[in-house]
Amino acid sequence: MTADGADIEIEVCDFDEIADPGSREFYFAEGRERGFVVRRGDELYAYRNHCMHVGYPLNWKPHEFLTRDGRNIICAAHGAIYRIDTGVCIEGPCPGKRLRAYPAAVRNGTVFVRIPASE
């Protein structure tokens, strides 16, 4: 959250820097919080990097959030599987729970994520 309580906008990377399908991690809140974006075709999804099972970051390697086939998001710690388009856990230790989603957009070829002031 900013001092004035306004949402913040994070510039993540160029859209073309994300494989299809692929993902990219980013940091906010002065580096204390982590998020990630996932590209699937022309679609872009953004989430907080926080597994709903025990709260660990989802990835062990930078920018690695997807299953081997690229169809879902996976937590490297306990194998929770989340749908890319909704963030809902569909397999593993937290079925039905949902990742915290953020609005994402591409402007002039650059990916931006808006973090609500409440974060």
PDB file of N, CA and C in Angstrom:
ATOM      1  N   MET A   1       0.837  -1.171   0.000  1.00  0.00           N
ATOM      2  CA  MET A   1       0.000   0.000   0.000  1.00  0.00           C
ATOM      3  C   MET A   1       0.885   1.238   0.000  1.00  0.00           C
ATOM      4  N   THR A   2       0.472   2.231  -0.718  1.00  0.00           N
ATOM      5  CA  THR A   2       1.227   3.468  -0.754  1.00  0.00           C
ATOM      6  C   THR A   2       0.840   4.334   0.434  1.00  0.00           C
ATOM      7  N   ALA A   3       1.637   5.351   0.693  1.00  0.00           N
ATOM      8  CA  ALA A   3       1.390   6.235   1.831  1.00  0.00           C
ATOM      9  C   ALA A   3       0.035   6.918   1.722  1.00  0.00           C
ATOM     10  N   ASP A   4      -0.421   7.179   0.492  1.00  0.00           N
ATOM     11  CA  ASP A   4      -1.709   7.860   0.319  1.00  0.00           C
ATOM     12  C   ASP A   4      -2.870   6.887   0.166  1.00  0.00           C
ATOM     13  N   GLY A   5      -2.615   5.573   0.303  1.00  0.00           N
ATOM     14  CA  GLY A   5      -3.677   4.575   0.244  1.00  0.00           C
ATOM     15  C   GLY A   5      -4.123   4.236  -1.163  1.00  0.00           C
ATOM     16  N   ALA A   6      -3.382   4.650  -2.182  1.00  0.00           N
ATOM     17  CA  ALA A   6      -3.750   4.374  -3.570  1.00  0.00           C
ATOM     18  C   ALA A   6      -3.212   3.016  -4.018  1.00  0.00           C
ATOM     19  N   ASP A   7      -3.905   2.416  -4.999  1.00  0.00           N
ATOM     20  CA  ASP A   7      -3.397   1.196  -5.616  1.00  0.00           C
ATOM     21  C   ASP A   7      -2.033   1.485  -6.235  1.00  0.00           C
ATOM     22  N   ILE A   8      -1.225   0.441  -6.381  1.00  0.00           N
ATOM     23  CA  ILE A   8       0.058   0.611  -7.065  1.00  0.00           C
ATOM     24  C   ILE A   8       0.046  -0.218  -8.345  1.00  0.00           C
ATOM     25  N   GLU A   9       0.806   0.219  -9.306  1.00  0.00           N
ATOM     26  CA  GLU A   9       0.915  -0.506 -10.549  1.00  0.00           C
ATOM     27  C   GLU A   9       2.352  -0.956 -10.731  1.00  0.00           C
ATOM     28  N   ILE A  10       2.528  -2.254 -10.976  1.00  0.00           N
ATOM     29  CA  ILE A  10       3.844  -2.847 -11.142  1.00  0.00           C
ATOM     30  C   ILE A  10       4.083  -3.085 -12.624  1.00  0.00           C
ATOM     31  N   GLU A  11       5.211  -2.621 -13.131  1.00  0.00           N
ATOM     32  CA  GLU A  11       5.623  -2.948 -14.491  1.00  0.00           C
ATOM     33  C   GLU A  11       6.427  -4.246 -14.394  1.00  0.00           C
ATOM     34  N   VAL A  12       5.921  -5.311 -15.009  1.00  0.00           N
ATOM     35  CA  VAL A  12       6.514  -6.632 -14.839  1.00  0.00           C
ATOM     36  C   VAL A  12       7.600  -6.907 -15.882  1.00  0.00           C
ATOM     37  N   CYS A  13       7.251  -6.862 -17.143  1.00  0.00           N
ATOM     38  CA  CYS A  13       8.180  -7.164 -18.234  1.00  0.00           C
ATOM     39  C   CYS A  13       7.460  -6.913 -19.551  1.00  0.00           C
ATOM     40  N   ASP A  14       8.150  -7.107 -20.652  1.00  0.00           N
ATOM     41  CA  ASP A  14       7.496  -7.082 -21.954  1.00  0.00           C
ATOM     42  C   ASP A  14       6.685  -8.361 -22.118  1.00  0.00           C
ATOM     43  N   PHE A  15       5.522  -8.251 -22.732  1.00  0.00           N
ATOM     44  CA  PHE A  15       4.643  -9.397 -22.942  1.00  0.00           C
ATOM     45  C   PHE A  15       5.380 -10.506 -23.693  1.00  0.00           C
ATOM     46  N   ASP A  16       6.168 -10.139 -24.692  1.00  0.00           N
ATOM     47  CA  ASP A  16       6.882 -11.128 -25.502  1.00  0.00           C
ATOM     48  C   ASP A  16       7.986 -11.854 -24.738  1.00  0.00           C
ATOM     49  N   GLU A  17       8.352 -11.385 -23.551  1.00  0.00           N
ATOM     50  CA  GLU A  17       9.361 -12.068 -22.743  1.00  0.00           C
ATOM     51  C   GLU A  17       8.783 -13.275 -22.012  1.00  0.00           C
ATOM     52  N   ILE A  18       7.474 -13.427 -22.020  1.00  0.00           N
ATOM     53  CA  ILE A  18       6.821 -14.549 -21.349  1.00  0.00           C
ATOM     54  C   ILE A  18       6.479 -15.597 -22.401  1.00  0.00           C
ATOM     55  N   ALA A  19       6.969 -16.820 -22.206  1.00  0.00           N
ATOM     56  CA  ALA A  19       6.673 -17.908 -23.144  1.00  0.00           C
ATOM     57  C   ALA A  19       5.171 -18.154 -23.182  1.00  0.00           C
ATOM     58  N   ASP A  20       4.720 -18.874 -24.183  1.00  0.00           N
ATOM     59  CA  ASP A  20       3.303 -19.213 -24.315  1.00  0.00           C
ATOM     60  C   ASP A  20       3.153 -20.724 -24.370  1.00  0.00           C
ATOM     61  N   PRO A  21       2.708 -21.383 -23.306  1.00  0.00           N
ATOM     62  CA  PRO A  21       2.388 -20.804 -21.995  1.00  0.00           C
ATOM     63  C   PRO A  21       3.669 -20.557 -21.190  1.00  0.00           C
ATOM     64  N   GLY A  22       3.568 -19.627 -20.274  1.00  0.00           N
ATOM     65  CA  GLY A  22       4.728 -19.319 -19.446  1.00  0.00           C
ATOM     66  C   GLY A  22       4.338 -18.409 -18.297  1.00  0.00           C
ATOM     67  N   SER A  23       5.321 -18.090 -17.457  1.00  0.00           N
ATOM     68  CA  SER A  23       5.038 -17.278 -16.273  1.00  0.00           C
ATOM     69  C   SER A  23       6.238 -16.408 -15.935  1.00  0.00           C
ATOM     70  N   ARG A  24       5.973 -15.382 -15.146  1.00  0.00           N
ATOM     71  CA  ARG A  24       7.024 -14.446 -14.738  1.00  0.00           C
ATOM     72  C   ARG A  24       6.690 -13.945 -13.338  1.00  0.00           C
ATOM     73  N   GLU A  25       7.659 -13.998 -12.459  1.00  0.00           N
ATOM     74  CA  GLU A  25       7.503 -13.533 -11.076  1.00  0.00           C
ATOM     75  C   GLU A  25       7.799 -12.037 -10.978  1.00  0.00           C
ATOM     76  N   PHE A  26       7.174 -11.379 -10.008  1.00  0.00           N
ATOM     77  CA  PHE A  26       7.483  -9.981  -9.719  1.00  0.00           C
ATOM     78  C   PHE A  26       7.361  -9.753  -8.217  1.00  0.00           C
ATOM     79  N   TYR A  27       7.923  -8.652  -7.757  1.00  0.00           N
ATOM     80  CA  TYR A  27       7.918  -8.306  -6.332  1.00  0.00           C
ATOM     81  C   TYR A  27       7.227  -6.969  -6.135  1.00  0.00           C
ATOM     82  N   PHE A  28       6.627  -6.796  -4.950  1.00  0.00           N
ATOM     83  CA  PHE A  28       6.018  -5.512  -4.603  1.00  0.00           C
ATOM     84  C   PHE A  28       6.097  -5.329  -3.096  1.00  0.00           C
ATOM     85  N   ALA A  29       5.551  -4.256  -2.585  1.00  0.00           N
ATOM     86  CA  ALA A  29       5.627  -3.921  -1.152  1.00  0.00           C
ATOM     87  C   ALA A  29       7.084  -3.903  -0.702  1.00  0.00           C
ATOM     88  N   GLU A  30       7.888  -3.144  -1.472  1.00  0.00           N
ATOM     89  CA  GLU A  30       9.313  -2.989  -1.160  1.00  0.00           C
ATOM     90  C   GLU A  30      10.032  -4.337  -1.087  1.00  0.00           C
ATOM     91  N   GLY A  31       9.601  -5.275  -1.945  1.00  0.00           N
ATOM     92  CA  GLY A  31      10.236  -6.579  -2.039  1.00  0.00           C
ATOM     93  C   GLY A  31       9.776  -7.599  -1.025  1.00  0.00           C
ATOM     94  N   ARG A  32       8.838  -7.220  -0.164  1.00  0.00           N
ATOM     95  CA  ARG A  32       8.355  -8.147   0.872  1.00  0.00           C
ATOM     96  C   ARG A  32       7.289  -9.111   0.359  1.00  0.00           C
ATOM     97  N   GLU A  33       6.633  -8.774  -0.728  1.00  0.00           N
ATOM     98  CA  GLU A  33       5.571  -9.606  -1.289  1.00  0.00           C
ATOM     99  C   GLU A  33       5.933  -9.998  -2.718  1.00  0.00           C
ATOM    100  N   ARG A  34       5.388 -11.146  -3.125  1.00  0.00           N
ATOM    101  CA  ARG A  34       5.675 -11.661  -4.456  1.00  0.00           C
ATOM    102  C   ARG A  34       4.387 -11.977  -5.196  1.00  0.00           C
ATOM    103  N   GLY A  35       4.445 -11.794  -6.490  1.00  0.00           N
ATOM    104  CA  GLY A  35       3.331 -12.154  -7.345  1.00  0.00           C
ATOM    105  C   GLY A  35       3.882 -12.792  -8.604  1.00  0.00           C
ATOM    106  N   PHE A  36       2.979 -13.216  -9.491  1.00  0.00           N
ATOM    107  CA  PHE A  36       3.411 -13.767 -10.770  1.00  0.00           C
ATOM    108  C   PHE A  36       2.309 -13.597 -11.797  1.00  0.00           C
ATOM    109  N   VAL A  37       2.717 -13.561 -13.041  1.00  0.00           N
ATOM    110  CA  VAL A  37       1.774 -13.517 -14.150  1.00  0.00           C
ATOM    111  C   VAL A  37       1.944 -14.792 -14.956  1.00  0.00           C
ATOM    112  N   VAL A  38       0.849 -15.217 -15.571  1.00  0.00           N
ATOM    113  CA  VAL A  38       0.855 -16.385 -16.446  1.00  0.00           C
ATOM    114  C   VAL A  38       0.282 -15.963 -17.787  1.00  0.00           C
ATOM    115  N   ARG A  39       0.978 -16.341 -18.836  1.00  0.00           N
ATOM    116  CA  ARG A  39       0.502 -16.098 -20.192  1.00  0.00           C
ATOM    117  C   ARG A  39       0.009 -17.407 -20.781  1.00  0.00           C
ATOM    118  N   ARG A  40      -1.155 -17.346 -21.386  1.00  0.00           N
ATOM    119  CA  ARG A  40      -1.696 -18.465 -22.159  1.00  0.00           C
ATOM    120  C   ARG A  40      -2.312 -17.856 -23.411  1.00  0.00           C
ATOM    121  N   GLY A  41      -1.619 -18.005 -24.528  1.00  0.00           N
ATOM    122  CA  GLY A  41      -2.053 -17.348 -25.756  1.00  0.00           C
ATOM    123  C   GLY A  41      -1.951 -15.841 -25.584  1.00  0.00           C
ATOM    124  N   ASP A  42      -3.031 -15.155 -25.896  1.00  0.00           N
ATOM    125  CA  ASP A  42      -3.082 -13.703 -25.716  1.00  0.00           C
ATOM    126  C   ASP A  42      -3.616 -13.311 -24.347  1.00  0.00           C
ATOM    127  N   GLU A  43      -3.984 -14.296 -23.536  1.00  0.00           N
ATOM    128  CA  GLU A  43      -4.544 -14.038 -22.212  1.00  0.00           C
ATOM    129  C   GLU A  43      -3.442 -13.907 -21.175  1.00  0.00           C
ATOM    130  N   LEU A  44      -3.704 -13.099 -20.157  1.00  0.00           N
ATOM    131  CA  LEU A  44      -2.748 -12.859 -19.092  1.00  0.00           C
ATOM    132  C   LEU A  44      -3.481 -12.911 -17.758  1.00  0.00           C
ATOM    133  N   TYR A  45      -2.910 -13.622 -16.788  1.00  0.00           N
ATOM    134  CA  TYR A  45      -3.493 -13.773 -15.460  1.00  0.00           C
ATOM    135  C   TYR A  45      -2.421 -13.424 -14.437  1.00  0.00           C
ATOM    136  N   ALA A  46      -2.819 -12.777 -13.355  1.00  0.00           N
ATOM    137  CA  ALA A  46      -1.851 -12.402 -12.316  1.00  0.00           C
ATOM    138  C   ALA A  46      -2.365 -12.856 -10.955  1.00  0.00           C
ATOM    139  N   TYR A  47      -1.443 -13.351 -10.126  1.00  0.00           N
ATOM    140  CA  TYR A  47      -1.790 -13.862  -8.810  1.00  0.00           C
ATOM    141  C   TYR A  47      -0.718 -13.510  -7.784  1.00  0.00           C
ATOM    142  N   ARG A  48      -1.110 -13.535  -6.524  1.00  0.00           N
ATOM    143  CA  ARG A  48      -0.142 -13.425  -5.437  1.00  0.00           C
ATOM    144  C   ARG A  48       0.604 -14.757  -5.360  1.00  0.00           C
ATOM    145  N   ASN A  49       1.892 -14.716  -5.124  1.00  0.00           N
ATOM    146  CA  ASN A  49       2.701 -15.932  -5.042  1.00  0.00           C
ATOM    147  C   ASN A  49       2.630 -16.472  -3.615  1.00  0.00           C
ATOM    148  N   HIS A  50       1.529 -17.160  -3.342  1.00  0.00           N
ATOM    149  CA  HIS A  50       1.224 -17.603  -1.986  1.00  0.00           C
ATOM    150  C   HIS A  50       0.307 -18.820  -2.090  1.00  0.00           C
ATOM    151  N   CYS A  51       0.842 -20.017  -1.815  1.00  0.00           N
ATOM    152  CA  CYS A  51       0.024 -21.224  -1.882  1.00  0.00           C
ATOM    153  C   CYS A  51      -1.064 -21.189  -0.814  1.00  0.00           C
ATOM    154  N   MET A  52      -2.253 -21.607  -1.173  1.00  0.00           N
ATOM    155  CA  MET A  52      -3.379 -21.585  -0.243  1.00  0.00           C
ATOM    156  C   MET A  52      -3.330 -22.737   0.753  1.00  0.00           C
ATOM    157  N   HIS A  53      -2.402 -23.663   0.595  1.00  0.00           N
ATOM    158  CA  HIS A  53      -2.284 -24.783   1.513  1.00  0.00           C
ATOM    159  C   HIS A  53      -1.599 -24.347   2.812  1.00  0.00           C
ATOM    160  N   VAL A  54      -0.356 -23.878   2.730  1.00  0.00           N
ATOM    161  CA  VAL A  54       0.357 -23.463   3.941  1.00  0.00           C
ATOM    162  C   VAL A  54       1.010 -22.086   3.816  1.00  0.00           C
ATOM    163  N   GLY A  55       0.769 -21.397   2.707  1.00  0.00           N
ATOM    164  CA  GLY A  55       1.256 -20.038   2.576  1.00  0.00           C
ATOM    165  C   GLY A  55       2.660 -19.875   2.027  1.00  0.00           C
ATOM    166  N   TYR A  56       3.294 -20.958   1.626  1.00  0.00           N
ATOM    167  CA  TYR A  56       4.619 -20.855   1.011  1.00  0.00           C
ATOM    168  C   TYR A  56       4.501 -20.212  -0.362  1.00  0.00           C
ATOM    169  N   PRO A  57       5.607 -19.638  -0.867  1.00  0.00           N
ATOM    170  CA  PRO A  57       5.617 -19.261  -2.286  1.00  0.00           C
ATOM    171  C   PRO A  57       5.419 -20.528  -3.122  1.00  0.00           C
ATOM    172  N   LEU A  58       4.779 -20.390  -4.254  1.00  0.00           N
ATOM    173  CA  LEU A  58       4.475 -21.537  -5.103  1.00  0.00           C
ATOM    174  C   LEU A  58       5.698 -22.116  -5.808  1.00  0.00           C
ATOM    175  N   ASN A  59       6.685 -21.288  -6.071  1.00  0.00           N
ATOM    176  CA  ASN A  59       7.821 -21.735  -6.882  1.00  0.00           C
ATOM    177  C   ASN A  59       9.096 -21.887  -6.068  1.00  0.00           C
ATOM    178  N   TRP A  60       9.969 -22.788  -6.537  1.00  0.00           N
ATOM    179  CA  TRP A  60      11.315 -22.935  -5.987  1.00  0.00           C
ATOM    180  C   TRP A  60      12.327 -22.280  -6.907  1.00  0.00           C
ATOM    181  N   LYS A  61      12.045 -22.285  -8.209  1.00  0.00           N
ATOM    182  CA  LYS A  61      12.930 -21.679  -9.201  1.00  0.00           C
ATOM    183  C   LYS A  61      12.288 -20.381  -9.697  1.00  0.00           C
ATOM    184  N   PRO A  62      13.103 -19.382  -9.994  1.00  0.00           N
ATOM    185  CA  PRO A  62      12.532 -18.121 -10.505  1.00  0.00           C
ATOM    186  C   PRO A  62      11.658 -18.363 -11.741  1.00  0.00           C
ATOM    187  N   HIS A  63      10.481 -17.768 -11.714  1.00  0.00           N
ATOM    188  CA  HIS A  63       9.551 -17.747 -12.856  1.00  0.00           C
ATOM    189  C   HIS A  63       8.937 -19.101 -13.192  1.00  0.00           C
ATOM    190  N   GLU A  64       9.128 -20.131 -12.378  1.00  0.00           N
ATOM    191  CA  GLU A  64       8.606 -21.476 -12.659  1.00  0.00           C
ATOM    192  C   GLU A  64       7.338 -21.728 -11.847  1.00  0.00           C
ATOM    193  N   PHE A  65       6.183 -21.632 -12.508  1.00  0.00           N
ATOM    194  CA  PHE A  65       4.902 -21.802 -11.826  1.00  0.00           C
ATOM    195  C   PHE A  65       3.985 -22.823 -12.475  1.00  0.00           C
ATOM    196  N   LEU A  66       4.333 -23.332 -13.634  1.00  0.00           N
ATOM    197  CA  LEU A  66       3.408 -24.174 -14.385  1.00  0.00           C
ATOM    198  C   LEU A  66       3.786 -25.650 -14.328  1.00  0.00           C
ATOM    199  N   THR A  67       2.766 -26.485 -14.480  1.00  0.00           N
ATOM    200  CA  THR A  67       2.990 -27.919 -14.603  1.00  0.00           C
ATOM    201  C   THR A  67       3.804 -28.180 -15.869  1.00  0.00           C
ATOM    202  N   ARG A  68       4.385 -29.362 -15.977  1.00  0.00           N
ATOM    203  CA  ARG A  68       5.235 -29.689 -17.130  1.00  0.00           C
ATOM    204  C   ARG A  68       4.528 -29.486 -18.468  1.00  0.00           C
ATOM    205  N   ASP A  69       3.217 -29.781 -18.502  1.00  0.00           N
ATOM    206  CA  ASP A  69       2.479 -29.622 -19.752  1.00  0.00           C
ATOM    207  C   ASP A  69       1.987 -28.190 -19.964  1.00  0.00           C
ATOM    208  N   GLY A  70       2.208 -27.295 -18.983  1.00  0.00           N
ATOM    209  CA  GLY A  70       1.824 -25.898 -19.117  1.00  0.00           C
ATOM    210  C   GLY A  70       0.337 -25.627 -18.999  1.00  0.00           C
ATOM    211  N   ARG A  71      -0.431 -26.605 -18.557  1.00  0.00           N
ATOM    212  CA  ARG A  71      -1.890 -26.442 -18.504  1.00  0.00           C
ATOM    213  C   ARG A  71      -2.403 -25.875 -17.189  1.00  0.00           C
ATOM    214  N   ASN A  72      -1.593 -25.961 -16.119  1.00  0.00           N
ATOM    215  CA  ASN A  72      -2.028 -25.500 -14.805  1.00  0.00           C
ATOM    216  C   ASN A  72      -0.863 -24.893 -14.037  1.00  0.00           C
ATOM    217  N   ILE A  73      -1.203 -24.237 -12.929  1.00  0.00           N
ATOM    218  CA  ILE A  73      -0.230 -23.708 -11.977  1.00  0.00           C
ATOM    219  C   ILE A  73       0.008 -24.792 -10.936  1.00  0.00           C
ATOM    220  N   ILE A  74       1.248 -24.966 -10.496  1.00  0.00           N
ATOM    221  CA  ILE A  74       1.552 -25.988  -9.489  1.00  0.00           C
ATOM    222  C   ILE A  74       2.373 -25.385  -8.354  1.00  0.00           C
ATOM    223  N   CYS A  75       2.102 -25.833  -7.147  1.00  0.00           N
ATOM    224  CA  CYS A  75       2.915 -25.457  -5.989  1.00  0.00           C
ATOM    225  C   CYS A  75       4.039 -26.476  -5.868  1.00  0.00           C
ATOM    226  N   ALA A  76       5.266 -26.003  -5.895  1.00  0.00           N
ATOM    227  CA  ALA A  76       6.429 -26.888  -5.843  1.00  0.00           C
ATOM    228  C   ALA A  76       6.570 -27.584  -4.488  1.00  0.00           C
ATOM    229  N   ALA A  77       5.985 -27.040  -3.423  1.00  0.00           N
ATOM    230  CA  ALA A  77       6.162 -27.616  -2.092  1.00  0.00           C
ATOM    231  C   ALA A  77       5.324 -28.874  -1.878  1.00  0.00           C
ATOM    232  N   HIS A  78       4.030 -28.816  -2.156  1.00  0.00           N
ATOM    233  CA  HIS A  78       3.162 -29.948  -1.848  1.00  0.00           C
ATOM    234  C   HIS A  78       2.309 -30.400  -3.029  1.00  0.00           C
ATOM    235  N   GLY A  79       2.537 -29.833  -4.209  1.00  0.00           N
ATOM    236  CA  GLY A  79       1.858 -30.316  -5.402  1.00  0.00           C
ATOM    237  C   GLY A  79       0.442 -29.841  -5.622  1.00  0.00           C
ATOM    238  N   ALA A  80      -0.011 -28.812  -4.928  1.00  0.00           N
ATOM    239  CA  ALA A  80      -1.346 -28.280  -5.199  1.00  0.00           C
ATOM    240  C   ALA A  80      -1.397 -27.798  -6.647  1.00  0.00           C
ATOM    241  N   ILE A  81      -2.485 -28.118  -7.336  1.00  0.00           N
ATOM    242  CA  ILE A  81      -2.664 -27.737  -8.736  1.00  0.00           C
ATOM    243  C   ILE A  81      -3.805 -26.720  -8.806  1.00  0.00           C
ATOM    244  N   TYR A  82      -3.529 -25.603  -9.491  1.00  0.00           N
ATOM    245  CA  TYR A  82      -4.501 -24.516  -9.638  1.00  0.00           C
ATOM    246  C   TYR A  82      -4.784 -24.277 -11.114  1.00  0.00           C
ATOM    247  N   ARG A  83      -6.023 -23.944 -11.434  1.00  0.00           N
ATOM    248  CA  ARG A  83      -6.376 -23.575 -12.815  1.00  0.00           C
ATOM    249  C   ARG A  83      -5.759 -22.223 -13.143  1.00  0.00           C
ATOM    250  N   ILE A  84      -5.216 -22.096 -14.334  1.00  0.00           N
ATOM    251  CA  ILE A  84      -4.614 -20.834 -14.750  1.00  0.00           C
ATOM    252  C   ILE A  84      -5.654 -19.721 -14.820  1.00  0.00           C
ATOM    253  N   ASP A  85      -6.820 -20.001 -15.376  1.00  0.00           N
ATOM    254  CA  ASP A  85      -7.799 -18.945 -15.636  1.00  0.00           C
ATOM    255  C   ASP A  85      -8.583 -18.481 -14.417  1.00  0.00           C
ATOM    256  N   THR A  86      -8.647 -19.295 -13.365  1.00  0.00           N
ATOM    257  CA  THR A  86      -9.432 -18.908 -12.186  1.00  0.00           C
ATOM    258  C   THR A  86      -8.629 -18.869 -10.893  1.00  0.00           C
ATOM    259  N   GLY A  87      -7.483 -19.560 -10.853  1.00  0.00           N
ATOM    260  CA  GLY A  87      -6.703 -19.656  -9.626  1.00  0.00           C
ATOM    261  C   GLY A  87      -7.281 -20.616  -8.611  1.00  0.00           C
ATOM    262  N   VAL A  88      -8.289 -21.393  -8.990  1.00  0.00           N
ATOM    263  CA  VAL A  88      -8.929 -22.348  -8.083  1.00  0.00           C
ATOM    264  C   VAL A  88      -8.105 -23.628  -8.014  1.00  0.00           C
ATOM    265  N   CYS A  89      -7.884 -24.121  -6.795  1.00  0.00           N
ATOM    266  CA  CYS A  89      -7.173 -25.375  -6.584  1.00  0.00           C
ATOM    267  C   CYS A  89      -8.076 -26.525  -7.002  1.00  0.00           C
ATOM    268  N   ILE A  90      -7.580 -27.332  -7.931  1.00  0.00           N
ATOM    269  CA  ILE A  90      -8.379 -28.444  -8.450  1.00  0.00           C
ATOM    270  C   ILE A  90      -7.827 -29.803  -8.048  1.00  0.00           C
ATOM    271  N   GLU A  91      -6.638 -29.799  -7.432  1.00  0.00           N
ATOM    272  CA  GLU A  91      -6.030 -31.069  -7.029  1.00  0.00           C
ATOM    273  C   GLU A  91      -4.997 -30.791  -5.940  1.00  0.00           C
ATOM    274  N   GLY A  92      -4.871 -31.721  -5.003  1.00  0.00           N
ATOM    275  CA  GLY A  92      -3.874 -31.564  -3.949  1.00  0.00           C
ATOM    276  C   GLY A  92      -4.495 -31.233  -2.608  1.00  0.00           C
ATOM    277  N   PRO A  93      -3.734 -30.617  -1.714  1.00  0.00           N
ATOM    278  CA  PRO A  93      -4.151 -30.448  -0.322  1.00  0.00           C
ATOM    279  C   PRO A  93      -5.127 -29.302  -0.040  1.00  0.00           C
ATOM    280  N   CYS A  94      -5.529 -28.520  -1.048  1.00  0.00           N
ATOM    281  CA  CYS A  94      -6.421 -27.381  -0.762  1.00  0.00           C
ATOM    282  C   CYS A  94      -7.514 -27.221  -1.815  1.00  0.00           C
ATOM    283  N   PRO A  95      -8.238 -28.289  -2.166  1.00  0.00           N
ATOM    284  CA  PRO A  95      -9.240 -28.199  -3.232  1.00  0.00           C
ATOM    285  C   PRO A  95     -10.302 -27.141  -2.940  1.00  0.00           C
ATOM    286  N   GLY A  96     -10.606 -26.373  -3.987  1.00  0.00           N
ATOM    287  CA  GLY A  96     -11.634 -25.344  -3.880  1.00  0.00           C
ATOM    288  C   GLY A  96     -11.124 -23.987  -3.435  1.00  0.00           C
ATOM    289  N   LYS A  97      -9.957 -23.930  -2.814  1.00  0.00           N
ATOM    290  CA  LYS A  97      -9.408 -22.632  -2.414  1.00  0.00           C
ATOM    291  C   LYS A  97      -8.864 -21.927  -3.646  1.00  0.00           C
ATOM    292  N   ARG A  98      -8.801 -20.603  -3.572  1.00  0.00           N
ATOM    293  CA  ARG A  98      -8.454 -19.792  -4.738  1.00  0.00           C
ATOM    294  C   ARG A  98      -7.271 -18.881  -4.452  1.00  0.00           C
ATOM    295  N   LEU A  99      -6.336 -18.820  -5.414  1.00  0.00           N
ATOM    296  CA  LEU A  99      -5.233 -17.874  -5.321  1.00  0.00           C
ATOM    297  C   LEU A  99      -5.770 -16.446  -5.382  1.00  0.00           C
ATOM    298  N   ARG A 100      -5.071 -15.519  -4.752  1.00  0.00           N
ATOM    299  CA  ARG A 100      -5.446 -14.102  -4.779  1.00  0.00           C
ATOM    300  C   ARG A 100      -5.091 -13.538  -6.151  1.00  0.00           C
ATOM    301  N   ALA A 101      -6.104 -13.131  -6.917  1.00  0.00           N
ATOM    302  CA  ALA A 101      -5.895 -12.619  -8.268  1.00  0.00           C
ATOM    303  C   ALA A 101      -5.714 -11.104  -8.244  1.00  0.00           C
ATOM    304  N   TYR A 102      -4.957 -10.610  -9.216  1.00  0.00           N
ATOM    305  CA  TYR A 102      -4.737  -9.176  -9.415  1.00  0.00           C
ATOM    306  C   TYR A 102      -5.089  -8.818 -10.853  1.00  0.00           C
ATOM    307  N   PRO A 103      -5.572  -7.604 -11.078  1.00  0.00           N
ATOM    308  CA  PRO A 103      -5.815  -7.163 -12.454  1.00  0.00           C
ATOM    309  C   PRO A 103      -4.493  -7.011 -13.203  1.00  0.00           C
ATOM    310  N   ALA A 104      -4.454  -7.528 -14.424  1.00  0.00           N
ATOM    311  CA  ALA A 104      -3.262  -7.429 -15.266  1.00  0.00           C
ATOM    312  C   ALA A 104      -3.667  -6.888 -16.631  1.00  0.00           C
ATOM    313  N   ALA A 105      -2.752  -6.166 -17.255  1.00  0.00           N
ATOM    314  CA  ALA A 105      -3.022  -5.584 -18.566  1.00  0.00           C
ATOM    315  C   ALA A 105      -1.717  -5.478 -19.346  1.00  0.00           C
ATOM    316  N   VAL A 106      -1.863  -5.420 -20.662  1.00  0.00           N
ATOM    317  CA  VAL A 106      -0.721  -5.177 -21.545  1.00  0.00           C
ATOM    318  C   VAL A 106      -0.972  -3.842 -22.230  1.00  0.00           C
ATOM    319  N   ARG A 107      -0.018  -2.948 -22.072  1.00  0.00           N
ATOM    320  CA  ARG A 107      -0.091  -1.644 -22.727  1.00  0.00           C
ATOM    321  C   ARG A 107       1.216  -1.401 -23.473  1.00  0.00           C
ATOM    322  N   ASN A 108       1.113  -1.111 -24.745  1.00  0.00           N
ATOM    323  CA  ASN A 108       2.294  -0.871 -25.579  1.00  0.00           C
ATOM    324  C   ASN A 108       3.313  -2.004 -25.450  1.00  0.00           C
ATOM    325  N   GLY A 109       2.810  -3.238 -25.349  1.00  0.00           N
ATOM    326  CA  GLY A 109       3.680  -4.404 -25.288  1.00  0.00           C
ATOM    327  C   GLY A 109       4.260  -4.720 -23.926  1.00  0.00           C
ATOM    328  N   THR A 110       3.911  -3.928 -22.906  1.00  0.00           N
ATOM    329  CA  THR A 110       4.444  -4.121 -21.548  1.00  0.00           C
ATOM    330  C   THR A 110       3.348  -4.630 -20.612  1.00  0.00           C
ATOM    331  N   VAL A 111       3.698  -5.595 -19.760  1.00  0.00           N
ATOM    332  CA  VAL A 111       2.760  -6.167 -18.788  1.00  0.00           C
ATOM    333  C   VAL A 111       2.765  -5.330 -17.513  1.00  0.00           C
ATOM    334  N   PHE A 112       1.562  -4.962 -17.062  1.00  0.00           N
ATOM    335  CA  PHE A 112       1.374  -4.222 -15.819  1.00  0.00           C
ATOM    336  C   PHE A 112       0.405  -4.983 -14.931  1.00  0.00           C
ATOM    337  N   VAL A 113       0.645  -4.970 -13.633  1.00  0.00           N
ATOM    338  CA  VAL A 113      -0.246  -5.579 -12.657  1.00  0.00           C
ATOM    339  C   VAL A 113      -0.607  -4.515 -11.634  1.00  0.00           C
ATOM    340  N   ARG A 114      -1.909  -4.426 -11.320  1.00  0.00           N
ATOM    341  CA  ARG A 114      -2.378  -3.457 -10.314  1.00  0.00           C
ATOM    342  C   ARG A 114      -2.557  -4.176  -8.987  1.00  0.00           C
ATOM    343  N   ILE A 115      -1.888  -3.660  -7.975  1.00  0.00           N
ATOM    344  CA  ILE A 115      -1.990  -4.206  -6.625  1.00  0.00           C
ATOM    345  C   ILE A 115      -2.905  -3.297  -5.827  1.00  0.00           C
ATOM    346  N   PRO A 116      -4.022  -3.816  -5.324  1.00  0.00           N
ATOM    347  CA  PRO A 116      -4.949  -2.986  -4.561  1.00  0.00           C
ATOM    348  C   PRO A 116      -4.304  -2.411  -3.301  1.00  0.00           C
ATOM    349  N   ALA A 117      -4.745  -1.254  -2.903  1.00  0.00           N
ATOM    350  CA  ALA A 117      -4.209  -0.573  -1.727  1.00  0.00           C
ATOM    351  C   ALA A 117      -4.332  -1.429  -0.469  1.00  0.00           C
ATOM    352  N   SER A 118      -5.295  -2.353  -0.451  1.00  0.00           N
ATOM    353  CA  SER A 118      -5.520  -3.187   0.727  1.00  0.00           C
ATOM    354  C   SER A 118      -4.471  -4.260   0.918  1.00  0.00           C
ATOM    355  N   GLU A 119      -3.570  -4.457  -0.029  1.00  0.00           N
ATOM    356  CA  GLU A 119      -2.552  -5.523   0.067  1.00  0.00           C
ATOM    357  C   GLU A 119      -1.439  -5.120   0.993  1.00  0.00           C
TER     358      GLU A 119
END
